[in-house]
Amino acid sequence: KEHNKSPLVFENWKTVKINLQSGESFDSISVNIDGQLNKLVADFGV
């Protein structure tokens, strides 16, 4: 939870719209960037 101990770029998870290469899009997805691994991670609440 401590931001300076976490590799996550955003201090708070961002609600975003994701646009796929196929042209499809998905709204209201909670994401963050793992700045150490360069990975996009999501918390779907599922």
All heavy atoms as atom14 arrays in JSON, in Angstrom:
{
  "sequence": "KEHNKSPLVFENWKTVKINLQSGESFDSISVNIDGQLNKLVADFGV",
  "atom14_mask": [
    [1, 1, 1, 1, 1, 1, 1, 1, 1, 0, 0, 0, 0, 0],
    [1, 1, 1, 1, 1, 1, 1, 1, 1, 0, 0, 0, 0, 0],
    [1, 1, 1, 1, 1, 1, 1, 1, 1, 1, 0, 0, 0, 0],
    [1, 1, 1, 1, 1, 1, 1, 1, 0, 0, 0, 0, 0, 0],
    [1, 1, 1, 1, 1, 1, 1, 1, 1, 0, 0, 0, 0, 0],
    [1, 1, 1, 1, 1, 1, 0, 0, 0, 0, 0, 0, 0, 0],
    [1, 1, 1, 1, 1, 1, 1, 0, 0, 0, 0, 0, 0, 0],
    [1, 1, 1, 1, 1, 1, 1, 1, 0, 0, 0, 0, 0, 0],
    [1, 1, 1, 1, 1, 1, 1, 0, 0, 0, 0, 0, 0, 0],
    [1, 1, 1, 1, 1, 1, 1, 1, 1, 1, 1, 0, 0, 0],
    [1, 1, 1, 1, 1, 1, 1, 1, 1, 0, 0, 0, 0, 0],
    [1, 1, 1, 1, 1, 1, 1, 1, 0, 0, 0, 0, 0, 0],
    [1, 1, 1, 1, 1, 1, 1, 1, 1, 1, 1, 1, 1, 1],
    [1, 1, 1, 1, 1, 1, 1, 1, 1, 0, 0, 0, 0, 0],
    [1, 1, 1, 1, 1, 1, 1, 0, 0, 0, 0, 0, 0, 0],
    [1, 1, 1, 1, 1, 1, 1, 0, 0, 0, 0, 0, 0, 0],
    [1, 1, 1, 1, 1, 1, 1, 1, 1, 0, 0, 0, 0, 0],
    [1, 1, 1, 1, 1, 1, 1, 1, 0, 0, 0, 0, 0, 0],
    [1, 1, 1, 1, 1, 1, 1, 1, 0, 0, 0, 0, 0, 0],
    [1, 1, 1, 1, 1, 1, 1, 1, 0, 0, 0, 0, 0, 0],
    [1, 1, 1, 1, 1, 1, 1, 1, 1, 0, 0, 0, 0, 0],
    [1, 1, 1, 1, 1, 1, 0, 0, 0, 0, 0, 0, 0, 0],
    [1, 1, 1, 1, 0, 0, 0, 0, 0, 0, 0, 0, 0, 0],
    [1, 1, 1, 1, 1, 1, 1, 1, 1, 0, 0, 0, 0, 0],
    [1, 1, 1, 1, 1, 1, 0, 0, 0, 0, 0, 0, 0, 0],
    [1, 1, 1, 1, 1, 1, 1, 1, 1, 1, 1, 0, 0, 0],
    [1, 1, 1, 1, 1, 1, 1, 1, 0, 0, 0, 0, 0, 0],
    [1, 1, 1, 1, 1, 1, 0, 0, 0, 0, 0, 0, 0, 0],
    [1, 1, 1, 1, 1, 1, 1, 1, 0, 0, 0, 0, 0, 0],
    [1, 1, 1, 1, 1, 1, 0, 0, 0, 0, 0, 0, 0, 0],
    [1, 1, 1, 1, 1, 1, 1, 0, 0, 0, 0, 0, 0, 0],
    [1, 1, 1, 1, 1, 1, 1, 1, 0, 0, 0, 0, 0, 0],
    [1, 1, 1, 1, 1, 1, 1, 1, 0, 0, 0, 0, 0, 0],
    [1, 1, 1, 1, 1, 1, 1, 1, 0, 0, 0, 0, 0, 0],
    [1, 1, 1, 1, 0, 0, 0, 0, 0, 0, 0, 0, 0, 0],
    [1, 1, 1, 1, 1, 1, 1, 1, 1, 0, 0, 0, 0, 0],
    [1, 1, 1, 1, 1, 1, 1, 1, 0, 0, 0, 0, 0, 0],
    [1, 1, 1, 1, 1, 1, 1, 1, 0, 0, 0, 0, 0, 0],
    [1, 1, 1, 1, 1, 1, 1, 1, 1, 0, 0, 0, 0, 0],
    [1, 1, 1, 1, 1, 1, 1, 1, 0, 0, 0, 0, 0, 0],
    [1, 1, 1, 1, 1, 1, 1, 0, 0, 0, 0, 0, 0, 0],
    [1, 1, 1, 1, 1, 0, 0, 0, 0, 0, 0, 0, 0, 0],
    [1, 1, 1, 1, 1, 1, 1, 1, 0, 0, 0, 0, 0, 0],
    [1, 1, 1, 1, 1, 1, 1, 1, 1, 1, 1, 0, 0, 0],
    [1, 1, 1, 1, 0, 0, 0, 0, 0, 0, 0, 0, 0, 0],
    [1, 1, 1, 1, 1, 1, 1, 0, 0, 0, 0, 0, 0, 0]
  ],
  "atom14_positions": [
    [[0.81, -1.21, 0.0], [0.0, 0.0, 0.0], [0.85, 1.27, 0.0], [0.46, 2.3, -0.55], [-0.93, -0.01, 1.22], [-2.03, -1.07, 1.12], [-2.96, -1.03, 2.31], [-4.04, -2.09, 2.19], [-4.95, -2.1, 3.36], [0.0, 0.0, 0.0], [0.0, 0.0, 0.0], [0.0, 0.0, 0.0], [0.0, 0.0, 0.0], [0.0, 0.0, 0.0]],
    [[2.04, 1.23, 0.64], [2.91, 2.4, 0.65], [3.45, 2.62, -0.75], [4.14, 1.76, -1.31], [4.07, 2.21, 1.63], [3.63, 2.03, 3.08], [3.46, 0.58, 3.45], [3.22, -0.24, 2.53], [3.55, 0.26, 4.64], [0.0, 0.0, 0.0], [0.0, 0.0, 0.0], [0.0, 0.0, 0.0], [0.0, 0.0, 0.0], [0.0, 0.0, 0.0]],
    [[3.17, 3.79, -1.33], [3.47, 4.02, -2.74], [4.98, 3.93, -3.04], [5.38, 3.45, -4.1], [2.93, 5.38, -3.18], [2.89, 5.56, -4.66], [2.28, 4.66, -5.51], [3.42, 6.53, -5.46], [2.42, 5.07, -6.77], [3.09, 6.19, -6.76], [0.0, 0.0, 0.0], [0.0, 0.0, 0.0], [0.0, 0.0, 0.0], [0.0, 0.0, 0.0]],
    [[5.81, 4.39, -2.11], [7.25, 4.36, -2.37], [7.85, 2.96, -2.22], [9.01, 2.73, -2.51], [8.0, 5.36, -1.47], [7.93, 5.0, -0.01], [7.19, 4.1, 0.39], [8.69, 5.7, 0.81], [0.0, 0.0, 0.0], [0.0, 0.0, 0.0], [0.0, 0.0, 0.0], [0.0, 0.0, 0.0], [0.0, 0.0, 0.0], [0.0, 0.0, 0.0]],
    [[7.0, 2.0, -1.77], [7.44, 0.6, -1.69], [6.83, -0.25, -2.79], [7.0, -1.46, -2.83], [7.07, 0.01, -0.32], [7.79, 0.67, 0.86], [7.38, 0.02, 2.16], [8.08, 0.69, 3.35], [7.66, 0.08, 4.64], [0.0, 0.0, 0.0], [0.0, 0.0, 0.0], [0.0, 0.0, 0.0], [0.0, 0.0, 0.0], [0.0, 0.0, 0.0]],
    [[6.09, 0.4, -3.67], [5.37, -0.31, -4.73], [5.89, 0.09, -6.1], [6.22, 1.26, -6.33], [3.87, 0.02, -4.63], [3.19, -0.41, -5.79], [0.0, 0.0, 0.0], [0.0, 0.0, 0.0], [0.0, 0.0, 0.0], [0.0, 0.0, 0.0], [0.0, 0.0, 0.0], [0.0, 0.0, 0.0], [0.0, 0.0, 0.0], [0.0, 0.0, 0.0]],
    [[5.95, -0.85, -7.05], [6.38, -0.51, -8.41], [5.27, 0.14, -9.24], [5.5, 0.5, -10.39], [6.77, -1.87, -9.0], [5.86, -2.83, -8.3], [5.72, -2.3, -6.91], [0.0, 0.0, 0.0], [0.0, 0.0, 0.0], [0.0, 0.0, 0.0], [0.0, 0.0, 0.0], [0.0, 0.0, 0.0], [0.0, 0.0, 0.0], [0.0, 0.0, 0.0]],
    [[4.06, 0.29, -8.67], [2.97, 0.86, -9.45], [3.19, 2.34, -9.71], [3.55, 3.1, -8.81], [1.63, 0.66, -8.7], [1.17, -0.78, -8.54], [-0.13, -0.83, -7.74], [0.98, -1.45, -9.9], [0.0, 0.0, 0.0], [0.0, 0.0, 0.0], [0.0, 0.0, 0.0], [0.0, 0.0, 0.0], [0.0, 0.0, 0.0], [0.0, 0.0, 0.0]],
    [[2.96, 2.75, -10.96], [3.2, 4.13, -11.37], [2.16, 5.08, -10.79], [2.48, 6.15, -10.3], [3.24, 4.23, -12.91], [3.23, 5.69, -13.36], [4.47, 3.51, -13.46], [0.0, 0.0, 0.0], [0.0, 0.0, 0.0], [0.0, 0.0, 0.0], [0.0, 0.0, 0.0], [0.0, 0.0, 0.0], [0.0, 0.0, 0.0], [0.0, 0.0, 0.0]],
    [[0.88, 4.7, -10.87], [-0.18, 5.56, -10.37], [-0.39, 5.32, -8.87], [-0.56, 4.17, -8.45], [-1.5, 5.29, -11.1], [-1.41, 5.36, -12.6], [-2.04, 4.4, -13.39], [-0.7, 6.37, -13.23], [-1.97, 4.44, -14.77], [-0.62, 6.43, -14.61], [-1.25, 5.46, -15.39], [0.0, 0.0, 0.0], [0.0, 0.0, 0.0], [0.0, 0.0, 0.0]],
    [[-0.43, 6.38, -8.11], [-0.65, 6.22, -6.67], [-2.02, 5.62, -6.4], [-2.19, 4.81, -5.49], [-0.53, 7.57, -5.97], [-0.56, 7.46, -4.47], [-0.08, 8.71, -3.77], [0.3, 9.67, -4.45], [-0.1, 8.72, -2.52], [0.0, 0.0, 0.0], [0.0, 0.0, 0.0], [0.0, 0.0, 0.0], [0.0, 0.0, 0.0], [0.0, 0.0, 0.0]],
    [[-3.01, 6.02, -7.21], [-4.35, 5.43, -7.15], [-4.65, 4.78, -8.49], [-4.31, 5.34, -9.54], [-5.4, 6.51, -6.85], [-5.18, 7.17, -5.51], [-5.09, 6.5, -4.49], [-5.04, 8.49, -5.51], [0.0, 0.0, 0.0], [0.0, 0.0, 0.0], [0.0, 0.0, 0.0], [0.0, 0.0, 0.0], [0.0, 0.0, 0.0], [0.0, 0.0, 0.0]],
    [[-5.29, 3.61, -8.46], [-5.62, 2.93, -9.7], [-6.51, 3.83, -10.56], [-7.39, 4.53, -10.05], [-6.33, 1.6, -9.4], [-5.4, 0.57, -8.81], [-4.78, 0.64, -7.6], [-4.98, -0.65, -9.42], [-4.0, -0.47, -7.41], [-4.1, -1.29, -8.5], [-5.27, -1.28, -10.63], [-3.5, -2.51, -8.77], [-4.68, -2.51, -10.9], [-3.8, -3.11, -9.98]],
    [[-6.28, 3.81, -11.87], [-7.01, 4.67, -12.8], [-8.15, 3.9, -13.47], [-7.96, 2.76, -13.93], [-6.08, 5.19, -13.9], [-4.92, 6.04, -13.4], [-5.34, 7.46, -13.15], [-4.14, 8.35, -12.86], [-4.56, 9.72, -12.52], [0.0, 0.0, 0.0], [0.0, 0.0, 0.0], [0.0, 0.0, 0.0], [0.0, 0.0, 0.0], [0.0, 0.0, 0.0]],
    [[-9.31, 4.56, -13.54], [-10.42, 4.0, -14.31], [-10.27, 4.48, -15.75], [-10.19, 5.69, -16.0], [-11.78, 4.46, -13.75], [-11.88, 4.03, -12.4], [-12.93, 3.86, -14.55], [0.0, 0.0, 0.0], [0.0, 0.0, 0.0], [0.0, 0.0, 0.0], [0.0, 0.0, 0.0], [0.0, 0.0, 0.0], [0.0, 0.0, 0.0], [0.0, 0.0, 0.0]],
    [[-10.18, 3.55, -16.69], [-9.83, 3.91, -18.06], [-10.74, 3.23, -19.08], [-11.46, 2.29, -18.76], [-8.36, 3.53, -18.39], [-7.39, 4.14, -17.4], [-8.19, 2.01, -18.44], [0.0, 0.0, 0.0], [0.0, 0.0, 0.0], [0.0, 0.0, 0.0], [0.0, 0.0, 0.0], [0.0, 0.0, 0.0], [0.0, 0.0, 0.0], [0.0, 0.0, 0.0]],
    [[-10.66, 3.74, -20.29], [-11.25, 3.07, -21.44], [-10.1, 2.44, -22.21], [-9.14, 3.13, -22.57], [-11.98, 4.08, -22.33], [-12.57, 3.48, -23.6], [-13.29, 4.55, -24.43], [-13.9, 3.94, -25.69], [-14.62, 4.98, -26.49], [0.0, 0.0, 0.0], [0.0, 0.0, 0.0], [0.0, 0.0, 0.0], [0.0, 0.0, 0.0], [0.0, 0.0, 0.0]],
    [[-10.18, 1.14, -22.46], [-9.13, 0.42, -23.17], [-9.55, 0.23, -24.63], [-10.65, -0.26, -24.91], [-8.84, -0.94, -22.51], [-8.24, -0.72, -21.12], [-7.91, -1.79, -23.37], [-7.93, -2.0, -20.38], [0.0, 0.0, 0.0], [0.0, 0.0, 0.0], [0.0, 0.0, 0.0], [0.0, 0.0, 0.0], [0.0, 0.0, 0.0], [0.0, 0.0, 0.0]],
    [[-8.67, 0.62, -25.54], [-8.92, 0.46, -26.97], [-8.01, -0.63, -27.52], [-6.79, -0.56, -27.37], [-8.65, 1.78, -27.71], [-9.5, 2.92, -27.16], [-10.72, 2.86, -27.2], [-8.84, 3.94, -26.63], [0.0, 0.0, 0.0], [0.0, 0.0, 0.0], [0.0, 0.0, 0.0], [0.0, 0.0, 0.0], [0.0, 0.0, 0.0], [0.0, 0.0, 0.0]],
    [[-8.61, -1.65, -28.1], [-7.84, -2.76, -28.65], [-7.4, -2.48, -30.09], [-7.98, -1.63, -30.78], [-8.67, -4.05, -28.61], [-9.21, -4.49, -27.26], [-9.88, -5.86, -27.39], [-8.13, -4.51, -26.2], [0.0, 0.0, 0.0], [0.0, 0.0, 0.0], [0.0, 0.0, 0.0], [0.0, 0.0, 0.0], [0.0, 0.0, 0.0], [0.0, 0.0, 0.0]],
    [[-6.39, -3.2, -30.54], [-5.92, -3.08, -31.92], [-7.03, -3.44, -32.91], [-7.08, -2.92, -34.03], [-4.72, -4.02, -32.16], [-3.5, -3.7, -31.33], [-2.69, -2.54, -31.85], [-3.06, -1.91, -32.83], [-1.57, -2.26, -31.21], [0.0, 0.0, 0.0], [0.0, 0.0, 0.0], [0.0, 0.0, 0.0], [0.0, 0.0, 0.0], [0.0, 0.0, 0.0]],
    [[-7.96, -4.28, -32.49], [-9.05, -4.74, -33.36], [-10.13, -3.68, -33.58], [-11.0, -3.82, -34.43], [-9.71, -5.98, -32.74], [-10.33, -5.64, -31.5], [0.0, 0.0, 0.0], [0.0, 0.0, 0.0], [0.0, 0.0, 0.0], [0.0, 0.0, 0.0], [0.0, 0.0, 0.0], [0.0, 0.0, 0.0], [0.0, 0.0, 0.0], [0.0, 0.0, 0.0]],
    [[-10.06, -2.59, -32.78], [-11.09, -1.55, -32.88], [-12.11, -1.65, -31.76], [-12.89, -0.71, -31.54], [0.0, 0.0, 0.0], [0.0, 0.0, 0.0], [0.0, 0.0, 0.0], [0.0, 0.0, 0.0], [0.0, 0.0, 0.0], [0.0, 0.0, 0.0], [0.0, 0.0, 0.0], [0.0, 0.0, 0.0], [0.0, 0.0, 0.0], [0.0, 0.0, 0.0]],
    [[-12.15, -2.77, -31.04], [-13.05, -2.9, -29.9], [-12.55, -2.04, -28.75], [-11.36, -1.72, -28.65], [-13.1, -4.35, -29.43], [-13.82, -5.31, -30.36], [-13.83, -6.71, -29.76], [-12.83, -7.44, -29.95], [-14.82, -7.06, -29.09], [0.0, 0.0, 0.0], [0.0, 0.0, 0.0], [0.0, 0.0, 0.0], [0.0, 0.0, 0.0], [0.0, 0.0, 0.0]],
    [[-13.47, -1.66, -27.85], [-13.07, -0.9, -26.67], [-13.87, -1.36, -25.47], [-14.97, -1.91, -25.61], [-13.26, 0.6, -26.9], [-14.62, 0.91, -27.13], [0.0, 0.0, 0.0], [0.0, 0.0, 0.0], [0.0, 0.0, 0.0], [0.0, 0.0, 0.0], [0.0, 0.0, 0.0], [0.0, 0.0, 0.0], [0.0, 0.0, 0.0], [0.0, 0.0, 0.0]],
    [[-13.3, -1.17, -24.29], [-13.94, -1.56, -23.03], [-13.85, -0.39, -22.06], [-12.77, 0.17, -21.85], [-13.27, -2.79, -22.45], [-13.41, -4.02, -23.31], [-12.48, -4.31, -24.28], [-14.5, -4.87, -23.14], [-12.61, -5.44, -25.08], [-14.64, -5.99, -23.95], [-13.7, -6.28, -24.92], [0.0, 0.0, 0.0], [0.0, 0.0, 0.0], [0.0, 0.0, 0.0]],
    [[-14.99, -0.04, -21.46], [-15.06, 1.11, -20.55], [-14.89, 0.69, -19.09], [-15.1, -0.46, -18.73], [-16.41, 1.82, -20.68], [-16.51, 2.63, -21.97], [-15.56, 3.35, -22.29], [-17.53, 2.49, -22.66], [0.0, 0.0, 0.0], [0.0, 0.0, 0.0], [0.0, 0.0, 0.0], [0.0, 0.0, 0.0], [0.0, 0.0, 0.0], [0.0, 0.0, 0.0]],
    [[-14.49, 1.69, -18.29], [-14.49, 1.57, -16.83], [-13.68, 0.38, -16.32], [-14.14, -0.41, -15.5], [-15.94, 1.47, -16.31], [-16.67, 2.6, -16.71], [0.0, 0.0, 0.0], [0.0, 0.0, 0.0], [0.0, 0.0, 0.0], [0.0, 0.0, 0.0], [0.0, 0.0, 0.0], [0.0, 0.0, 0.0], [0.0, 0.0, 0.0], [0.0, 0.0, 0.0]],
    [[-12.46, 0.25, -16.83], [-11.54, -0.79, -16.37], [-10.52, -0.14, -15.43], [-9.94, 0.9, -15.75], [-10.8, -1.46, -17.54], [-11.79, -1.96, -18.6], [-9.93, -2.6, -17.04], [-12.77, -3.0, -18.11], [0.0, 0.0, 0.0], [0.0, 0.0, 0.0], [0.0, 0.0, 0.0], [0.0, 0.0, 0.0], [0.0, 0.0, 0.0], [0.0, 0.0, 0.0]],
    [[-10.31, -0.72, -14.26], [-9.37, -0.18, -13.27], [-7.97, -0.74, -13.54], [-7.76, -1.96, -13.45], [-9.84, -0.56, -11.86], [-8.95, -0.04, -10.9], [0.0, 0.0, 0.0], [0.0, 0.0, 0.0], [0.0, 0.0, 0.0], [0.0, 0.0, 0.0], [0.0, 0.0, 0.0], [0.0, 0.0, 0.0], [0.0, 0.0, 0.0], [0.0, 0.0, 0.0]],
    [[-7.02, 0.14, -13.9], [-5.68, -0.33, -14.28], [-4.59, 0.45, -13.55], [-4.82, 1.51, -12.98], [-5.45, -0.2, -15.81], [-6.5, -0.95, -16.59], [-5.36, 1.25, -16.24], [0.0, 0.0, 0.0], [0.0, 0.0, 0.0], [0.0, 0.0, 0.0], [0.0, 0.0, 0.0], [0.0, 0.0, 0.0], [0.0, 0.0, 0.0], [0.0, 0.0, 0.0]],
    [[-3.41, -0.12, -13.63], [-2.19, 0.55, -13.17], [-1.04, 0.03, -14.01], [-1.18, -1.0, -14.69], [-1.94, 0.29, -11.68], [-1.32, 1.49, -10.99], [-0.41, 2.11, -11.52], [-1.83, 1.79, -9.8], [0.0, 0.0, 0.0], [0.0, 0.0, 0.0], [0.0, 0.0, 0.0], [0.0, 0.0, 0.0], [0.0, 0.0, 0.0], [0.0, 0.0, 0.0]],
    [[0.08, 0.73, -13.98], [1.27, 0.3, -14.7], [2.29, -0.17, -13.7], [2.62, 0.55, -12.75], [1.86, 1.45, -15.54], [0.86, 1.9, -16.61], [3.18, 1.03, -16.2], [1.28, 3.17, -17.34], [0.0, 0.0, 0.0], [0.0, 0.0, 0.0], [0.0, 0.0, 0.0], [0.0, 0.0, 0.0], [0.0, 0.0, 0.0], [0.0, 0.0, 0.0]],
    [[2.77, -1.39, -13.87], [3.89, -1.87, -13.07], [5.15, -1.29, -13.71], [5.6, -1.74, -14.77], [3.93, -3.41, -13.08], [4.99, -3.96, -12.14], [6.1, -3.41, -12.12], [4.71, -4.96, -11.45], [0.0, 0.0, 0.0], [0.0, 0.0, 0.0], [0.0, 0.0, 0.0], [0.0, 0.0, 0.0], [0.0, 0.0, 0.0], [0.0, 0.0, 0.0]],
    [[5.68, -0.25, -13.09], [6.79, 0.51, -13.69], [8.11, -0.2, -13.66], [9.05, 0.23, -14.33], [0.0, 0.0, 0.0], [0.0, 0.0, 0.0], [0.0, 0.0, 0.0], [0.0, 0.0, 0.0], [0.0, 0.0, 0.0], [0.0, 0.0, 0.0], [0.0, 0.0, 0.0], [0.0, 0.0, 0.0], [0.0, 0.0, 0.0], [0.0, 0.0, 0.0]],
    [[8.22, -1.28, -12.9], [9.46, -2.05, -12.88], [9.45, -3.1, -13.99], [10.45, -3.28, -14.69], [9.65, -2.72, -11.52], [10.83, -3.69, -11.48], [11.8, -3.4, -10.37], [12.06, -2.26, -10.03], [12.34, -4.45, -9.79], [0.0, 0.0, 0.0], [0.0, 0.0, 0.0], [0.0, 0.0, 0.0], [0.0, 0.0, 0.0], [0.0, 0.0, 0.0]],
    [[8.33, -3.77, -14.15], [8.22, -4.84, -15.16], [7.71, -4.33, -16.51], [7.72, -5.06, -17.49], [7.29, -5.94, -14.65], [7.7, -6.64, -13.35], [6.64, -7.65, -12.94], [9.06, -7.32, -13.51], [0.0, 0.0, 0.0], [0.0, 0.0, 0.0], [0.0, 0.0, 0.0], [0.0, 0.0, 0.0], [0.0, 0.0, 0.0], [0.0, 0.0, 0.0]],
    [[7.24, -3.06, -16.53], [6.63, -2.51, -17.75], [5.44, -3.36, -18.18], [5.33, -3.79, -19.32], [7.65, -2.4, -18.89], [7.94, -0.95, -19.23], [7.11, -0.07, -19.01], [9.11, -0.7, -19.76], [0.0, 0.0, 0.0], [0.0, 0.0, 0.0], [0.0, 0.0, 0.0], [0.0, 0.0, 0.0], [0.0, 0.0, 0.0], [0.0, 0.0, 0.0]],
    [[4.54, -3.61, -17.24], [3.34, -4.39, -17.51], [2.11, -3.56, -17.14], [2.14, -2.77, -16.19], [3.32, -5.68, -16.66], [4.53, -6.59, -16.85], [4.51, -7.3, -18.19], [5.63, -8.32, -18.3], [5.66, -8.96, -19.63], [0.0, 0.0, 0.0], [0.0, 0.0, 0.0], [0.0, 0.0, 0.0], [0.0, 0.0, 0.0], [0.0, 0.0, 0.0]],
    [[1.04, -3.74, -17.91], [-0.24, -3.12, -17.57], [-1.06, -4.15, -16.8], [-1.28, -5.26, -17.28], [-0.97, -2.7, -18.84], [-2.28, -1.91, -18.64], [-2.0, -0.57, -17.98], [-3.0, -1.71, -19.97], [0.0, 0.0, 0.0], [0.0, 0.0, 0.0], [0.0, 0.0, 0.0], [0.0, 0.0, 0.0], [0.0, 0.0, 0.0], [0.0, 0.0, 0.0]],
    [[-1.49, -3.78, -15.59], [-2.24, -4.71, -14.76], [-3.62, -4.14, -14.46], [-3.8, -2.92, -14.4], [-1.49, -5.04, -13.46], [-0.24, -5.85, -13.73], [-1.13, -3.77, -12.69], [0.0, 0.0, 0.0], [0.0, 0.0, 0.0], [0.0, 0.0, 0.0], [0.0, 0.0, 0.0], [0.0, 0.0, 0.0], [0.0, 0.0, 0.0], [0.0, 0.0, 0.0]],
    [[-4.59, -5.02, -14.28], [-5.96, -4.58, -14.05], [-6.53, -5.23, -12.8], [-6.17, -6.35, -12.43], [-6.83, -4.94, -15.26], [0.0, 0.0, 0.0], [0.0, 0.0, 0.0], [0.0, 0.0, 0.0], [0.0, 0.0, 0.0], [0.0, 0.0, 0.0], [0.0, 0.0, 0.0], [0.0, 0.0, 0.0], [0.0, 0.0, 0.0], [0.0, 0.0, 0.0]],
    [[-7.42, -4.48, -12.15], [-8.19, -5.01, -11.02], [-9.65, -4.98, -11.46], [-10.29, -3.94, -11.45], [-7.97, -4.14, -9.78], [-8.82, -4.59, -8.6], [-9.41, -5.69, -8.69], [-8.89, -3.84, -7.6], [0.0, 0.0, 0.0], [0.0, 0.0, 0.0], [0.0, 0.0, 0.0], [0.0, 0.0, 0.0], [0.0, 0.0, 0.0], [0.0, 0.0, 0.0]],
    [[-10.17, -6.13, -11.87], [-11.53, -6.2, -12.39], [-12.59, -6.27, -11.29], [-13.77, -6.16, -11.55], [-11.69, -7.42, -13.3], [-11.01, -7.24, -14.63], [-9.77, -7.81, -14.87], [-11.61, -6.51, -15.64], [-9.14, -7.65, -16.1], [-10.99, -6.35, -16.86], [-9.75, -6.92, -17.1], [0.0, 0.0, 0.0], [0.0, 0.0, 0.0], [0.0, 0.0, 0.0]],
    [[-12.15, -6.48, -10.04], [-13.13, -6.62, -8.98], [-13.83, -7.97, -9.02], [-14.8, -8.2, -8.3], [0.0, 0.0, 0.0], [0.0, 0.0, 0.0], [0.0, 0.0, 0.0], [0.0, 0.0, 0.0], [0.0, 0.0, 0.0], [0.0, 0.0, 0.0], [0.0, 0.0, 0.0], [0.0, 0.0, 0.0], [0.0, 0.0, 0.0], [0.0, 0.0, 0.0]],
    [[-13.35, -8.86, -9.88], [-13.94, -10.2, -10.01], [-13.07, -11.21, -9.26], [-13.57, -12.13, -8.63], [-14.06, -10.59, -11.5], [-14.65, -11.99, -11.63], [-14.92, -9.58, -12.24], [0.0, 0.0, 0.0], [0.0, 0.0, 0.0], [0.0, 0.0, 0.0], [0.0, 0.0, 0.0], [0.0, 0.0, 0.0], [0.0, 0.0, 0.0], [0.0, 0.0, 0.0]]
  ]
}
